């Protein structure tokens, strides 16, 4: 309901000639990882979205574990889980495609890290924070509350900031938060939020 209300408010205000933040497109992307995937996939780690049980089961036979499962909606690592083996993945697939389930399963390559970088784009300004994971068993930084301010004096922080600017320019975002992790030799975006 919150997203629907936001979309209606943005639509109404724009019809009145008002500029809004978020823009309509940013409001559509808000808290919808499926919609975000279409514009972010170029910069993301390997991500698989299956809309049939058969495709998902086929994937599970050769998947490399662990993998991350996400629902389309959720913040602060809510609706995100670490799947460590084939049997747990098969159970998640069954749950996703049972009657009343989600009708899709969203999986993402697990990148082992001790932190992520949240970069906030606000018009021509940006700021950020380094967020640290909760624990080895719960390796999610979002919502952990373990944060430090970024001063961009670290090369990885600068890479995250530069990639945030690149992505924001490419997709036309004016007011967006991006979550990045360092994956080997590349910075990858996990998702975004127009919050």
Protein backbone atom coordinates (compact mmCIF):
# COMPACT_ATOMS: atom_id res chain seq x y z
CA UNK A 1 0.00 0.00 0.00
CA UNK A 2 2.83 2.45 0.78
CA UNK A 3 4.28 2.22 -2.74
CA UNK A 4 0.84 2.59 -4.35
CA UNK A 5 0.19 5.69 -2.24
CA UNK A 6 3.58 7.15 -3.22
CA UNK A 7 2.90 6.53 -6.93
CA UNK A 8 -0.53 8.15 -6.67
CA UNK A 9 0.89 11.17 -4.84
CA UNK A 10 3.69 11.63 -7.40
CA UNK A 11 1.25 11.24 -10.29
CA UNK A 12 -1.13 13.81 -8.76
CA UNK A 13 1.62 16.34 -8.02
CA UNK A 14 3.17 16.00 -11.47
CA UNK A 15 -0.27 16.53 -13.05
CA UNK A 16 -0.40 19.81 -11.11
CA UNK A 17 2.92 20.84 -12.66
CA UNK A 18 5.01 20.14 -9.56
CA UNK A 19 8.50 18.70 -9.74
CA UNK A 20 8.81 15.76 -7.37
CA UNK A 21 11.51 13.79 -5.63
CA UNK A 22 11.23 10.95 -6.20
CA UNK A 23 10.42 11.31 -9.87
CA UNK A 24 7.79 8.90 -11.20
CA UNK A 25 10.47 6.52 -12.46
CA UNK A 26 12.32 6.61 -9.14
CA UNK A 27 9.04 5.89 -7.34
CA UNK A 28 8.46 2.88 -9.61
CA UNK A 29 11.94 1.54 -8.80
CA UNK A 30 11.48 2.10 -5.07
CA UNK A 31 11.38 -1.18 -3.15
CA UNK A 32 10.99 -3.26 -6.32
CA UNK A 33 14.10 -5.31 -7.04
CA UNK A 34 12.49 -6.86 -10.13
CA UNK A 35 12.00 -3.43 -11.73
CA UNK A 36 15.49 -2.35 -10.68
CA UNK A 37 17.10 -5.40 -12.24
CA UNK A 38 16.23 -4.29 -15.76
CA UNK A 39 18.26 -1.08 -15.44
CA UNK A 40 21.02 -2.27 -13.07
CA UNK A 41 21.92 -5.70 -14.49
CA UNK A 42 24.96 -4.35 -16.37
CA UNK A 43 26.60 -3.44 -13.04
CA UNK A 44 25.27 -6.25 -10.83
CA UNK A 45 26.81 -9.54 -9.76
CA UNK A 46 25.32 -12.58 -11.52
CA UNK A 47 21.57 -12.46 -10.89
CA UNK A 48 18.92 -14.98 -11.93
CA UNK A 49 15.18 -14.40 -11.93
CA UNK A 50 13.04 -17.43 -12.70
CA UNK A 51 9.32 -17.20 -13.34
CA UNK A 52 8.73 -20.94 -13.75
CA UNK A 53 9.41 -23.73 -11.29
CA UNK A 54 11.04 -25.85 -14.00
CA UNK A 55 13.65 -23.20 -14.87
CA UNK A 56 14.46 -22.70 -11.20
CA UNK A 57 14.82 -26.43 -10.51
CA UNK A 58 17.10 -26.82 -13.56
CA UNK A 59 19.26 -23.98 -12.22
CA UNK A 60 19.43 -25.61 -8.77
CA UNK A 61 21.05 -28.72 -10.23
CA UNK A 62 24.21 -26.86 -11.20
CA UNK A 63 24.12 -23.83 -8.86
CA UNK A 64 27.22 -22.77 -6.95
CA UNK A 65 26.48 -22.20 -3.26
CA UNK A 66 25.89 -20.15 -1.32
CA UNK A 67 23.48 -17.89 -3.21
CA UNK A 68 21.38 -14.99 -2.00
CA UNK A 69 17.60 -15.14 -2.34
CA UNK A 70 15.66 -11.87 -2.36
CA UNK A 71 12.01 -11.01 -2.58
CA UNK A 72 11.12 -8.04 -4.76
CA UNK A 73 10.14 -5.96 -1.74
CA UNK A 74 11.87 -5.41 1.58
CA UNK A 75 14.41 -3.13 3.22
CA UNK A 76 17.16 -3.53 5.84
CA UNK A 77 17.82 -7.09 4.64
CA UNK A 78 14.20 -8.05 5.30
CA UNK A 79 13.18 -10.75 2.79
CA UNK A 80 16.82 -11.58 2.01
CA UNK A 81 18.31 -14.95 2.87
CA UNK A 82 21.55 -16.87 2.39
CA UNK A 83 20.92 -20.26 0.77
CA UNK A 84 23.79 -22.61 1.53
CA UNK A 85 22.87 -25.82 -0.30
CA UNK A 86 20.72 -27.48 -2.95
CA UNK A 87 18.07 -28.84 -0.59
CA UNK A 88 17.44 -25.40 0.93
CA UNK A 89 17.23 -23.89 -2.55
CA UNK A 90 14.74 -26.54 -3.66
CA UNK A 91 12.58 -25.78 -0.62
CA UNK A 92 12.72 -22.05 -1.48
CA UNK A 93 11.70 -22.86 -5.06
CA UNK A 94 8.77 -24.97 -3.83
CA UNK A 95 7.67 -22.11 -1.53
CA UNK A 96 7.96 -19.52 -4.30
CA UNK A 97 5.85 -21.48 -6.78
CA UNK A 98 3.24 -23.03 -4.49
CA UNK A 99 -0.32 -21.69 -4.61
CA UNK A 100 -0.24 -18.29 -2.93
CA UNK A 101 3.54 -18.07 -3.35
CA UNK A 102 5.45 -15.32 -5.14
CA UNK A 103 5.42 -16.78 -8.66
CA UNK A 104 9.13 -16.03 -9.13
CA UNK A 105 12.44 -16.64 -7.45
CA UNK A 106 15.17 -13.98 -7.45
CA UNK A 107 18.69 -15.28 -6.81
CA UNK A 108 21.97 -13.42 -6.75
CA UNK A 109 25.59 -14.48 -6.61
CA UNK A 110 26.89 -14.35 -3.05
CA UNK A 111 29.89 -12.08 -2.70
CA UNK A 112 31.74 -12.64 0.57
CA UNK A 113 32.55 -9.31 2.18
CA UNK A 114 32.67 -7.67 5.58
CA UNK A 115 30.93 -4.48 4.45
CA UNK A 116 29.05 -2.68 1.72
CA UNK A 117 29.11 0.92 0.58
CA UNK A 118 25.86 2.87 0.49
CA UNK A 119 26.18 5.91 -1.75
CA UNK A 120 23.37 8.48 -1.75
CA UNK A 121 22.94 10.68 -4.81
CA UNK A 122 21.03 13.88 -4.12
CA UNK A 123 20.99 15.99 -7.26
CA UNK A 124 24.58 17.07 -7.86
CA UNK A 125 25.68 16.00 -4.38
CA UNK A 126 26.55 12.65 -2.88
CA UNK A 127 27.38 11.23 0.49
CA UNK A 128 27.87 7.76 1.81
CA UNK A 129 28.48 5.33 4.60
CA UNK A 130 30.27 2.04 5.00
CA UNK A 131 27.93 -0.58 6.48
CA UNK A 132 29.38 -3.66 8.17
CA UNK A 133 27.82 -7.13 8.16
CA UNK A 134 26.00 -8.50 11.20
CA UNK A 135 27.96 -11.76 11.46
CA UNK A 136 29.42 -14.59 9.37
CA UNK A 137 26.12 -16.46 9.72
CA UNK A 138 24.08 -13.39 8.74
CA UNK A 139 26.38 -11.64 6.23
CA UNK A 140 24.08 -8.69 5.44
CA UNK A 141 25.18 -5.11 6.01
CA UNK A 142 21.83 -3.44 5.30
CA UNK A 143 20.00 -2.86 8.56
CA UNK A 144 22.92 -3.99 10.74
CA UNK A 145 23.28 -0.56 12.35
CA UNK A 146 27.07 -0.98 12.14
CA UNK A 147 28.03 2.04 10.03
CA UNK A 148 30.77 4.58 9.54
CA UNK A 149 30.71 7.80 7.56
CA UNK A 150 32.56 7.77 4.23
CA UNK A 151 35.07 10.52 3.60
CA UNK A 152 36.11 9.06 0.23
CA UNK A 153 39.80 8.97 1.16
CA UNK A 154 39.81 5.20 0.61
CA UNK A 155 40.18 3.98 -3.01
CA UNK A 156 37.27 1.51 -2.68
CA UNK A 157 35.00 4.23 -1.34
CA UNK A 158 35.96 6.47 -4.27
CA UNK A 159 35.28 3.63 -6.74
CA UNK A 160 31.82 3.15 -5.23
CA UNK A 161 31.14 6.89 -5.45
CA UNK A 162 32.28 7.10 -9.09
CA UNK A 163 30.16 4.08 -10.03
CA UNK A 164 27.14 5.60 -8.28
CA UNK A 165 27.53 8.75 -10.39
CA UNK A 166 27.97 6.66 -13.56
CA UNK A 167 24.84 4.62 -12.87
CA UNK A 168 22.75 7.61 -11.81
CA UNK A 169 23.68 9.43 -15.03
CA UNK A 170 23.02 6.34 -17.16
CA UNK A 171 19.55 5.65 -15.73
CA UNK A 172 18.53 9.28 -15.14
CA UNK A 173 18.30 9.09 -11.35
CA UNK A 174 18.46 12.32 -9.35
CA UNK A 175 17.69 11.01 -5.87
CA UNK A 176 18.90 7.49 -5.26
CA UNK A 177 20.84 5.30 -2.83
CA UNK A 178 23.03 2.54 -4.29
CA UNK A 179 24.46 -0.42 -2.37
CA UNK A 180 27.88 -1.61 -3.58
CA UNK A 181 30.26 -4.44 -2.73
CA UNK A 182 33.81 -5.07 -3.86
CA UNK A 183 33.93 -8.29 -5.88
CA UNK A 184 37.49 -9.30 -6.65
CA UNK A 185 38.64 -6.53 -8.98
CA UNK A 186 35.27 -4.90 -9.60
CA UNK A 187 32.72 -2.86 -7.71
CA UNK A 188 29.20 -4.31 -8.09
CA UNK A 189 25.84 -2.76 -7.28
CA UNK A 190 23.43 -4.99 -5.36
CA UNK A 191 20.32 -2.80 -5.51
CA UNK A 192 19.07 0.75 -5.16
CA UNK A 193 16.47 2.67 -3.19
CA UNK A 194 14.95 6.08 -3.86
CA UNK A 195 14.77 6.84 -0.17
